[in-house]
Amino acid sequence: MRGCPELSEVSRRGEYLTLDDLKQFDLQLFQPRHGYRYSLDPLLLARFCGQTLSGGRIIDFGAGCGIIALLLARINRDATVVAVENNPEMAALVEKNIRHNDLAGRVSVHAEDVINLRKSYHHSTFDLVVSNPPFRTPSSGKVSPHAGRESARHETTAGLADFIAAAKYLVKPSGRICFIQLPARLPEFMALAAEMKLSVLRLRMVHSNADSPATMFLAELAKGRRTAPVVEPPLFVRDMDGQYTDEVWQ
């Protein structure tokens, strides 16, 4: 585990952690009892980008508890995955989850800020770069009293442009970049992609149900290509009875 300290004594004793099952993927994940806890977003992103890759090298920016890295290791059983997490306590938690799920041979954690990754890796190293980055700029939205949750929600040292630039640097010309973000940031995202000469290959809007506006978008990028994006059908998380749709759980 590169540059990552151990969990604190309290966290190691489990007083601040819960253990949650993702039985469909044969995973169990420790998470902070209070602070940032994963939602449905990482599962949607992992499925979205997992469709485009079999094997290869994957890197996940802003890993949190490691859920996307571990999901992709399960979905792509010949792949190796690096989970990048800037928060030292959360990076230690990623390592704990890697060991707990017997994936130490294929998943590793790198405790580093996204803006410093060029010091650790050569360009064009990875087949897939994936990120569920902080959704909000520093001055927007409600501020959480929990440091882990706050850094997951709001950009701190690295902004969206830094995440996309790091992804472009690390992905191979034949590779893919996949992000999930808020619809309000779609114009900014598209402008940054164009500025960095990245093509948008796929775009999909995520809705709570068929009557609701989009709550997220999923996007796949590539460098060194000129192509019009494929706008996929919208993804509805729940049906009109409030139940999860088959596509969410298939």
C-alpha atoms as a PDB file:
ATOM      1  CA  MET A   1       0.000   0.000   0.000  1.00  0.00           C
ATOM      2  CA  ARG A   2       1.773   3.091  -1.256  1.00  0.00           C
ATOM      3  CA  GLY A   3       1.996   6.043   1.142  1.00  0.00           C
ATOM      4  CA  CYS A   4      -0.875   4.860   3.313  1.00  0.00           C
ATOM      5  CA  PRO A   5      -0.848   4.733   7.153  1.00  0.00           C
ATOM      6  CA  GLU A   6      -2.759   2.195   9.191  1.00  0.00           C
ATOM      7  CA  LEU A   7      -6.284   2.818  10.435  1.00  0.00           C
ATOM      8  CA  SER A   8      -6.541   4.515  13.809  1.00  0.00           C
ATOM      9  CA  GLU A   9      -6.903   2.310  16.889  1.00  0.00           C
ATOM     10  CA  VAL A  10     -10.595   3.199  17.174  1.00  0.00           C
ATOM     11  CA  SER A  11     -11.264   2.307  13.527  1.00  0.00           C
ATOM     12  CA  ARG A  12      -9.312  -0.937  13.803  1.00  0.00           C
ATOM     13  CA  ARG A  13     -11.495  -1.964  16.727  1.00  0.00           C
ATOM     14  CA  GLY A  14     -14.499  -1.411  14.463  1.00  0.00           C
ATOM     15  CA  GLU A  15     -16.283   1.108  16.687  1.00  0.00           C
ATOM     16  CA  TYR A  16     -16.641   3.555  13.817  1.00  0.00           C
ATOM     17  CA  LEU A  17     -17.233   0.969  11.069  1.00  0.00           C
ATOM     18  CA  THR A  18     -20.075  -1.099   9.690  1.00  0.00           C
ATOM     19  CA  LEU A  19     -19.726  -4.195   7.497  1.00  0.00           C
ATOM     20  CA  ASP A  20     -22.165  -4.204   4.581  1.00  0.00           C
ATOM     21  CA  ASP A  21     -22.932  -6.920   2.032  1.00  0.00           C
ATOM     22  CA  LEU A  22     -23.025  -6.637  -1.742  1.00  0.00           C
ATOM     23  CA  LYS A  23     -24.049 -10.241  -2.227  1.00  0.00           C
ATOM     24  CA  GLN A  24     -24.584  -9.937  -5.971  1.00  0.00           C
ATOM     25  CA  PHE A  25     -20.857  -9.247  -6.351  1.00  0.00           C
ATOM     26  CA  ASP A  26     -19.658 -11.463  -3.494  1.00  0.00           C
ATOM     27  CA  LEU A  27     -18.316  -8.446  -1.610  1.00  0.00           C
ATOM     28  CA  GLN A  28     -18.404  -7.240   1.983  1.00  0.00           C
ATOM     29  CA  LEU A  29     -17.344  -3.653   2.615  1.00  0.00           C
ATOM     30  CA  PHE A  30     -16.349  -1.874   5.805  1.00  0.00           C
ATOM     31  CA  GLN A  31     -17.611   1.717   5.852  1.00  0.00           C
ATOM     32  CA  PRO A  32     -17.531   4.554   8.373  1.00  0.00           C
ATOM     33  CA  ARG A  33     -20.599   4.436  10.609  1.00  0.00           C
ATOM     34  CA  HIS A  34     -20.620   8.244  10.456  1.00  0.00           C
ATOM     35  CA  GLY A  35     -19.127  10.055   7.473  1.00  0.00           C
ATOM     36  CA  TYR A  36     -19.048   9.202   3.786  1.00  0.00           C
ATOM     37  CA  ARG A  37     -20.949   6.019   2.871  1.00  0.00           C
ATOM     38  CA  TYR A  38     -21.398   4.831  -0.679  1.00  0.00           C
ATOM     39  CA  SER A  39     -24.745   5.159  -2.458  1.00  0.00           C
ATOM     40  CA  LEU A  40     -26.027   3.704  -5.720  1.00  0.00           C
ATOM     41  CA  ASP A  41     -23.748   5.927  -7.842  1.00  0.00           C
ATOM     42  CA  PRO A  42     -20.643   3.675  -7.698  1.00  0.00           C
ATOM     43  CA  LEU A  43     -22.665   0.617  -8.719  1.00  0.00           C
ATOM     44  CA  LEU A  44     -24.116   2.446 -11.720  1.00  0.00           C
ATOM     45  CA  LEU A  45     -20.687   3.703 -12.754  1.00  0.00           C
ATOM     46  CA  ALA A  46     -19.008   0.311 -12.337  1.00  0.00           C
ATOM     47  CA  ARG A  47     -21.631  -1.339 -14.522  1.00  0.00           C
ATOM     48  CA  PHE A  48     -21.444   1.464 -17.100  1.00  0.00           C
ATOM     49  CA  CYS A  49     -17.676   1.271 -17.548  1.00  0.00           C
ATOM     50  CA  GLY A  50     -17.403  -2.459 -16.881  1.00  0.00           C
ATOM     51  CA  GLN A  51     -19.171  -3.092 -20.191  1.00  0.00           C
ATOM     52  CA  THR A  52     -16.237  -1.697 -22.174  1.00  0.00           C
ATOM     53  CA  LEU A  53     -13.286  -3.666 -20.806  1.00  0.00           C
ATOM     54  CA  SER A  54     -12.191  -7.241 -20.351  1.00  0.00           C
ATOM     55  CA  GLY A  55      -8.968  -7.545 -18.353  1.00  0.00           C
ATOM     56  CA  GLY A  56      -6.314  -4.830 -18.517  1.00  0.00           C
ATOM     57  CA  ARG A  57      -5.168  -2.222 -16.011  1.00  0.00           C
ATOM     58  CA  ILE A  58      -7.709   0.013 -14.264  1.00  0.00           C
ATOM     59  CA  ILE A  59      -7.276   3.034 -11.995  1.00  0.00           C
ATOM     60  CA  ASP A  60     -10.039   4.566  -9.846  1.00  0.00           C
ATOM     61  CA  PHE A  61      -9.755   8.200  -8.702  1.00  0.00           C
ATOM     62  CA  GLY A  62     -11.310   9.101  -5.352  1.00  0.00           C
ATOM     63  CA  ALA A  63     -11.854   5.544  -4.182  1.00  0.00           C
ATOM     64  CA  GLY A  64     -13.653   6.215  -0.877  1.00  0.00           C
ATOM     65  CA  CYS A  65     -13.957   2.827   0.817  1.00  0.00           C
ATOM     66  CA  GLY A  66     -12.816   1.142  -2.427  1.00  0.00           C
ATOM     67  CA  ILE A  67     -16.221   0.103  -3.715  1.00  0.00           C
ATOM     68  CA  ILE A  68     -15.651   0.875  -7.433  1.00  0.00           C
ATOM     69  CA  ALA A  69     -12.209  -0.714  -7.503  1.00  0.00           C
ATOM     70  CA  LEU A  70     -13.526  -3.871  -5.857  1.00  0.00           C
ATOM     71  CA  LEU A  71     -16.623  -4.007  -8.058  1.00  0.00           C
ATOM     72  CA  LEU A  72     -14.510  -3.708 -11.197  1.00  0.00           C
ATOM     73  CA  ALA A  73     -12.216  -6.450  -9.951  1.00  0.00           C
ATOM     74  CA  ARG A  74     -15.269  -8.693  -9.623  1.00  0.00           C
ATOM     75  CA  ILE A  75     -16.793  -7.651 -12.966  1.00  0.00           C
ATOM     76  CA  ASN A  76     -13.467  -7.940 -14.849  1.00  0.00           C
ATOM     77  CA  ARG A  77     -11.807 -10.944 -13.279  1.00  0.00           C
ATOM     78  CA  ASP A  78      -8.639 -10.664 -15.398  1.00  0.00           C
ATOM     79  CA  ALA A  79      -8.076  -6.982 -14.586  1.00  0.00           C
ATOM     80  CA  THR A  80      -5.772  -5.370 -12.036  1.00  0.00           C
ATOM     81  CA  VAL A  81      -7.034  -2.241 -10.282  1.00  0.00           C
ATOM     82  CA  VAL A  82      -5.390   0.700  -8.471  1.00  0.00           C
ATOM     83  CA  ALA A  83      -7.612   2.602  -6.026  1.00  0.00           C
ATOM     84  CA  VAL A  84      -6.442   6.201  -5.529  1.00  0.00           C
ATOM     85  CA  GLU A  85      -7.623   7.877  -2.323  1.00  0.00           C
ATOM     86  CA  ASN A  86      -6.294  11.145  -0.914  1.00  0.00           C
ATOM     87  CA  ASN A  87      -7.750  10.793   2.608  1.00  0.00           C
ATOM     88  CA  PRO A  88      -5.260   8.642   4.621  1.00  0.00           C
ATOM     89  CA  GLU A  89      -7.922   7.164   6.890  1.00  0.00           C
ATOM     90  CA  MET A  90     -10.092   6.162   3.932  1.00  0.00           C
ATOM     91  CA  ALA A  91      -7.072   4.809   2.053  1.00  0.00           C
ATOM     92  CA  ALA A  92      -6.374   2.537   5.014  1.00  0.00           C
ATOM     93  CA  LEU A  93     -10.001   1.457   4.891  1.00  0.00           C
ATOM     94  CA  VAL A  94      -9.618   0.569   1.195  1.00  0.00           C
ATOM     95  CA  GLU A  95      -6.693  -1.659   2.136  1.00  0.00           C
ATOM     96  CA  LYS A  96      -8.807  -3.307   4.832  1.00  0.00           C
ATOM     97  CA  ASN A  97     -11.570  -4.010   2.305  1.00  0.00           C
ATOM     98  CA  ILE A  98      -9.106  -5.385  -0.236  1.00  0.00           C
ATOM     99  CA  ARG A  99      -7.757  -7.866   2.305  1.00  0.00           C
ATOM    100  CA  HIS A 100     -11.203  -8.762   3.645  1.00  0.00           C
ATOM    101  CA  ASN A 101     -12.379  -9.699   0.136  1.00  0.00           C
ATOM    102  CA  ASP A 102      -9.199 -11.647  -0.756  1.00  0.00           C
ATOM    103  CA  LEU A 103      -8.314  -9.319  -3.632  1.00  0.00           C
ATOM    104  CA  ALA A 104      -4.811  -8.264  -2.561  1.00  0.00           C
ATOM    105  CA  GLY A 105      -3.319  -9.943  -5.618  1.00  0.00           C
ATOM    106  CA  ARG A 106      -5.332  -7.842  -8.045  1.00  0.00           C
ATOM    107  CA  VAL A 107      -6.329  -4.610  -6.263  1.00  0.00           C
ATOM    108  CA  SER A 108      -3.960  -2.126  -4.620  1.00  0.00           C
ATOM    109  CA  VAL A 109      -4.418   1.264  -2.982  1.00  0.00           C
ATOM    110  CA  HIS A 110      -2.371   4.394  -3.634  1.00  0.00           C
ATOM    111  CA  ALA A 111      -2.771   7.115  -1.000  1.00  0.00           C
ATOM    112  CA  GLU A 112      -2.199  10.187  -3.145  1.00  0.00           C
ATOM    113  CA  ASP A 113      -3.843  13.335  -4.450  1.00  0.00           C
ATOM    114  CA  VAL A 114      -5.013  13.139  -8.058  1.00  0.00           C
ATOM    115  CA  ILE A 115      -2.980  16.214  -8.951  1.00  0.00           C
ATOM    116  CA  ASN A 116       0.242  14.395  -7.991  1.00  0.00           C
ATOM    117  CA  LEU A 117      -0.272  11.158  -9.914  1.00  0.00           C
ATOM    118  CA  ARG A 118       2.078  12.160 -12.741  1.00  0.00           C
ATOM    119  CA  LYS A 119       4.929  11.710 -10.263  1.00  0.00           C
ATOM    120  CA  SER A 120       3.977   8.068  -9.721  1.00  0.00           C
ATOM    121  CA  TYR A 121       2.952   6.777 -13.165  1.00  0.00           C
ATOM    122  CA  HIS A 122       4.063   7.148 -16.769  1.00  0.00           C
ATOM    123  CA  HIS A 123       1.560   8.510 -19.256  1.00  0.00           C
ATOM    124  CA  SER A 124      -0.663   6.075 -21.157  1.00  0.00           C
ATOM    125  CA  THR A 125      -0.403   3.424 -18.426  1.00  0.00           C
ATOM    126  CA  PHE A 126      -4.023   2.323 -17.919  1.00  0.00           C
ATOM    127  CA  ASP A 127      -6.716   0.763 -20.086  1.00  0.00           C
ATOM    128  CA  LEU A 128      -9.519   2.286 -18.041  1.00  0.00           C
ATOM    129  CA  VAL A 129      -9.636   5.359 -15.800  1.00  0.00           C
ATOM    130  CA  VAL A 130     -12.791   5.672 -13.733  1.00  0.00           C
ATOM    131  CA  SER A 131     -13.925   8.299 -11.261  1.00  0.00           C
ATOM    132  CA  ASN A 132     -16.849   9.197  -9.044  1.00  0.00           C
ATOM    133  CA  PRO A 133     -15.322  12.580  -8.118  1.00  0.00           C
ATOM    134  CA  PRO A 134     -16.644  15.157  -5.646  1.00  0.00           C
ATOM    135  CA  PHE A 135     -19.781  16.549  -7.225  1.00  0.00           C
ATOM    136  CA  ARG A 136     -19.737  20.096  -5.911  1.00  0.00           C
ATOM    137  CA  THR A 137     -17.425  23.076  -6.052  1.00  0.00           C
ATOM    138  CA  PRO A 138     -16.096  24.348  -2.694  1.00  0.00           C
ATOM    139  CA  SER A 139     -18.631  27.165  -2.307  1.00  0.00           C
ATOM    140  CA  SER A 140     -21.763  25.236  -3.301  1.00  0.00           C
ATOM    141  CA  GLY A 141     -24.201  23.011  -1.432  1.00  0.00           C
ATOM    142  CA  LYS A 142     -24.484  22.110   2.228  1.00  0.00           C
ATOM    143  CA  VAL A 143     -21.266  21.558   4.174  1.00  0.00           C
ATOM    144  CA  SER A 144     -21.088  18.290   6.120  1.00  0.00           C
ATOM    145  CA  PRO A 145     -19.657  18.268   9.666  1.00  0.00           C
ATOM    146  CA  HIS A 146     -17.948  14.943   8.887  1.00  0.00           C
ATOM    147  CA  ALA A 147     -14.559  15.480   7.221  1.00  0.00           C
ATOM    148  CA  GLY A 148     -14.695  12.288   5.152  1.00  0.00           C
ATOM    149  CA  ARG A 149     -18.161  13.052   3.836  1.00  0.00           C
ATOM    150  CA  GLU A 150     -17.253  16.676   3.138  1.00  0.00           C
ATOM    151  CA  SER A 151     -14.154  15.779   1.056  1.00  0.00           C
ATOM    152  CA  ALA A 152     -16.195  13.225  -0.889  1.00  0.00           C
ATOM    153  CA  ARG A 153     -18.924  15.760  -1.715  1.00  0.00           C
ATOM    154  CA  HIS A 154     -16.906  18.924  -2.346  1.00  0.00           C
ATOM    155  CA  GLU A 155     -13.767  19.542  -4.370  1.00  0.00           C
ATOM    156  CA  THR A 156     -10.818  20.359  -2.139  1.00  0.00           C
ATOM    157  CA  THR A 157      -7.327  20.298  -3.664  1.00  0.00           C
ATOM    158  CA  ALA A 158      -8.411  18.940  -7.070  1.00  0.00           C
ATOM    159  CA  GLY A 159     -11.281  20.162  -9.220  1.00  0.00           C
ATOM    160  CA  LEU A 160     -13.099  18.514 -12.116  1.00  0.00           C
ATOM    161  CA  ALA A 161     -10.510  19.832 -14.595  1.00  0.00           C
ATOM    162  CA  ASP A 162      -7.721  18.187 -12.565  1.00  0.00           C
ATOM    163  CA  PHE A 163      -9.549  14.841 -12.518  1.00  0.00           C
ATOM    164  CA  ILE A 164     -10.106  14.908 -16.287  1.00  0.00           C
ATOM    165  CA  ALA A 165      -6.533  16.044 -17.015  1.00  0.00           C
ATOM    166  CA  ALA A 166      -5.097  13.260 -14.847  1.00  0.00           C
ATOM    167  CA  ALA A 167      -7.353  10.746 -16.587  1.00  0.00           C
ATOM    168  CA  LYS A 168      -6.169  11.899 -20.017  1.00  0.00           C
ATOM    169  CA  TYR A 169      -2.540  11.627 -18.945  1.00  0.00           C
ATOM    170  CA  LEU A 170      -2.896   8.091 -17.578  1.00  0.00           C
ATOM    171  CA  VAL A 171      -5.199   6.439 -20.114  1.00  0.00           C
ATOM    172  CA  LYS A 172      -3.829   4.624 -23.152  1.00  0.00           C
ATOM    173  CA  PRO A 173      -4.850   5.866 -26.630  1.00  0.00           C
ATOM    174  CA  SER A 174      -6.872   2.656 -26.973  1.00  0.00           C
ATOM    175  CA  GLY A 175      -8.368   3.028 -23.496  1.00  0.00           C
ATOM    176  CA  ARG A 176     -11.457   4.565 -21.940  1.00  0.00           C
ATOM    177  CA  ILE A 177     -12.290   7.164 -19.276  1.00  0.00           C
ATOM    178  CA  CYS A 178     -15.585   6.920 -17.379  1.00  0.00           C
ATOM    179  CA  PHE A 179     -17.103   9.509 -15.015  1.00  0.00           C
ATOM    180  CA  ILE A 180     -20.338  10.100 -13.137  1.00  0.00           C
ATOM    181  CA  GLN A 181     -21.355  13.674 -12.310  1.00  0.00           C
ATOM    182  CA  LEU A 182     -24.250  16.017 -11.661  1.00  0.00           C
ATOM    183  CA  PRO A 183     -26.261  17.219 -14.700  1.00  0.00           C
ATOM    184  CA  ALA A 184     -25.613  20.820 -13.635  1.00  0.00           C
ATOM    185  CA  ARG A 185     -21.942  20.232 -14.433  1.00  0.00           C
ATOM    186  CA  LEU A 186     -22.501  18.650 -17.851  1.00  0.00           C
ATOM    187  CA  PRO A 187     -21.744  21.873 -19.814  1.00  0.00           C
ATOM    188  CA  GLU A 188     -18.499  22.287 -17.835  1.00  0.00           C
ATOM    189  CA  PHE A 189     -17.638  18.615 -18.349  1.00  0.00           C
ATOM    190  CA  MET A 190     -18.222  18.781 -22.116  1.00  0.00           C
ATOM    191  CA  ALA A 191     -16.241  22.016 -22.424  1.00  0.00           C
ATOM    192  CA  LEU A 192     -13.289  20.540 -20.501  1.00  0.00           C
ATOM    193  CA  ALA A 193     -13.358  17.390 -22.628  1.00  0.00           C
ATOM    194  CA  ALA A 194     -13.299  19.457 -25.834  1.00  0.00           C
ATOM    195  CA  GLU A 195     -10.531  21.700 -24.489  1.00  0.00           C
ATOM    196  CA  MET A 196      -8.404  18.628 -23.659  1.00  0.00           C
ATOM    197  CA  LYS A 197      -9.183  17.015 -27.042  1.00  0.00           C
ATOM    198  CA  LEU A 198     -11.092  14.131 -25.515  1.00  0.00           C
ATOM    199  CA  SER A 199     -13.980  12.615 -27.460  1.00  0.00           C
ATOM    200  CA  VAL A 200     -17.223  11.784 -25.677  1.00  0.00           C
ATOM    201  CA  LEU A 201     -18.032   8.237 -26.806  1.00  0.00           C
ATOM    202  CA  ARG A 202     -21.120   7.549 -24.678  1.00  0.00           C
ATOM    203  CA  LEU A 203     -23.441   9.690 -22.596  1.00  0.00           C
ATOM    204  CA  ARG A 204     -26.310   8.470 -20.421  1.00  0.00           C
ATOM    205  CA  MET A 205     -28.613  10.377 -18.115  1.00  0.00           C
ATOM    206  CA  VAL A 206     -29.737   8.802 -14.821  1.00  0.00           C
ATOM    207  CA  HIS A 207     -33.236   9.536 -13.475  1.00  0.00           C
ATOM    208  CA  SER A 208     -34.904   8.550 -10.214  1.00  0.00           C
ATOM    209  CA  ASN A 209     -37.956   7.466 -12.244  1.00  0.00           C
ATOM    210  CA  ALA A 210     -39.620   8.168 -15.585  1.00  0.00           C
ATOM    211  CA  ASP A 211     -41.263  11.370 -14.298  1.00  0.00           C
ATOM    212  CA  SER A 212     -38.195  12.916 -12.659  1.00  0.00           C
ATOM    213  CA  PRO A 213     -35.461  15.102 -14.126  1.00  0.00           C
ATOM    214  CA  ALA A 214     -31.976  13.663 -14.466  1.00  0.00           C
ATOM    215  CA  THR A 215     -30.056  13.386 -11.205  1.00  0.00           C
ATOM    216  CA  MET A 216     -26.704  12.174 -12.641  1.00  0.00           C
ATOM    217  CA  PHE A 217     -24.996  11.580 -15.937  1.00  0.00           C
ATOM    218  CA  LEU A 218     -22.599   8.831 -16.967  1.00  0.00           C
ATOM    219  CA  ALA A 219     -19.986   9.601 -19.610  1.00  0.00           C
ATOM    220  CA  GLU A 220     -17.285   7.655 -21.426  1.00  0.00           C
ATOM    221  CA  LEU A 221     -14.350   9.528 -22.980  1.00  0.00           C
ATOM    222  CA  ALA A 222     -11.360   8.604 -25.128  1.00  0.00           C
ATOM    223  CA  LYS A 223      -8.350  10.493 -26.396  1.00  0.00           C
ATOM    224  CA  GLY A 224      -7.011  10.716 -29.929  1.00  0.00           C
ATOM    225  CA  ARG A 225     -10.353  10.077 -31.653  1.00  0.00           C
ATOM    226  CA  ARG A 226     -12.948  12.062 -33.523  1.00  0.00           C
ATOM    227  CA  THR A 227     -16.410  10.670 -33.140  1.00  0.00           C
ATOM    228  CA  ALA A 228     -19.894  11.841 -32.285  1.00  0.00           C
ATOM    229  CA  PRO A 229     -21.173  10.697 -28.903  1.00  0.00           C
ATOM    230  CA  VAL A 230     -23.753   7.955 -28.610  1.00  0.00           C
ATOM    231  CA  VAL A 231     -26.512   9.223 -26.334  1.00  0.00           C
ATOM    232  CA  GLU A 232     -27.862   6.093 -24.696  1.00  0.00           C
ATOM    233  CA  PRO A 233     -31.459   5.674 -23.476  1.00  0.00           C
ATOM    234  CA  PRO A 234     -32.061   7.152 -20.018  1.00  0.00           C
ATOM    235  CA  LEU A 235     -31.486   4.939 -17.004  1.00  0.00           C
ATOM    236  CA  PHE A 236     -34.433   4.908 -14.599  1.00  0.00           C
ATOM    237  CA  VAL A 237     -33.425   3.805 -11.107  1.00  0.00           C
ATOM    238  CA  ARG A 238     -36.977   3.062  -9.877  1.00  0.00           C
ATOM    239  CA  ASP A 239     -40.291   2.292 -11.524  1.00  0.00           C
ATOM    240  CA  MET A 240     -43.430   4.301 -10.786  1.00  0.00           C
ATOM    241  CA  ASP A 241     -44.224   2.016  -7.834  1.00  0.00           C
ATOM    242  CA  GLY A 242     -40.928   2.988  -6.204  1.00  0.00           C
ATOM    243  CA  GLN A 243     -39.222  -0.352  -6.825  1.00  0.00           C
ATOM    244  CA  TYR A 244     -35.718  -0.632  -8.296  1.00  0.00           C
ATOM    245  CA  THR A 245     -35.857  -1.380 -12.019  1.00  0.00           C
ATOM    246  CA  ASP A 246     -34.513  -4.630 -13.434  1.00  0.00           C
ATOM    247  CA  GLU A 247     -31.708  -2.768 -15.189  1.00  0.00           C
ATOM    248  CA  VAL A 248     -30.318  -1.449 -11.929  1.00  0.00           C
ATOM    249  CA  TRP A 249     -29.952  -4.942 -10.464  1.00  0.00           C
ATOM    250  CA  GLN A 250     -29.357  -7.066 -13.571  1.00  0.00           C
END
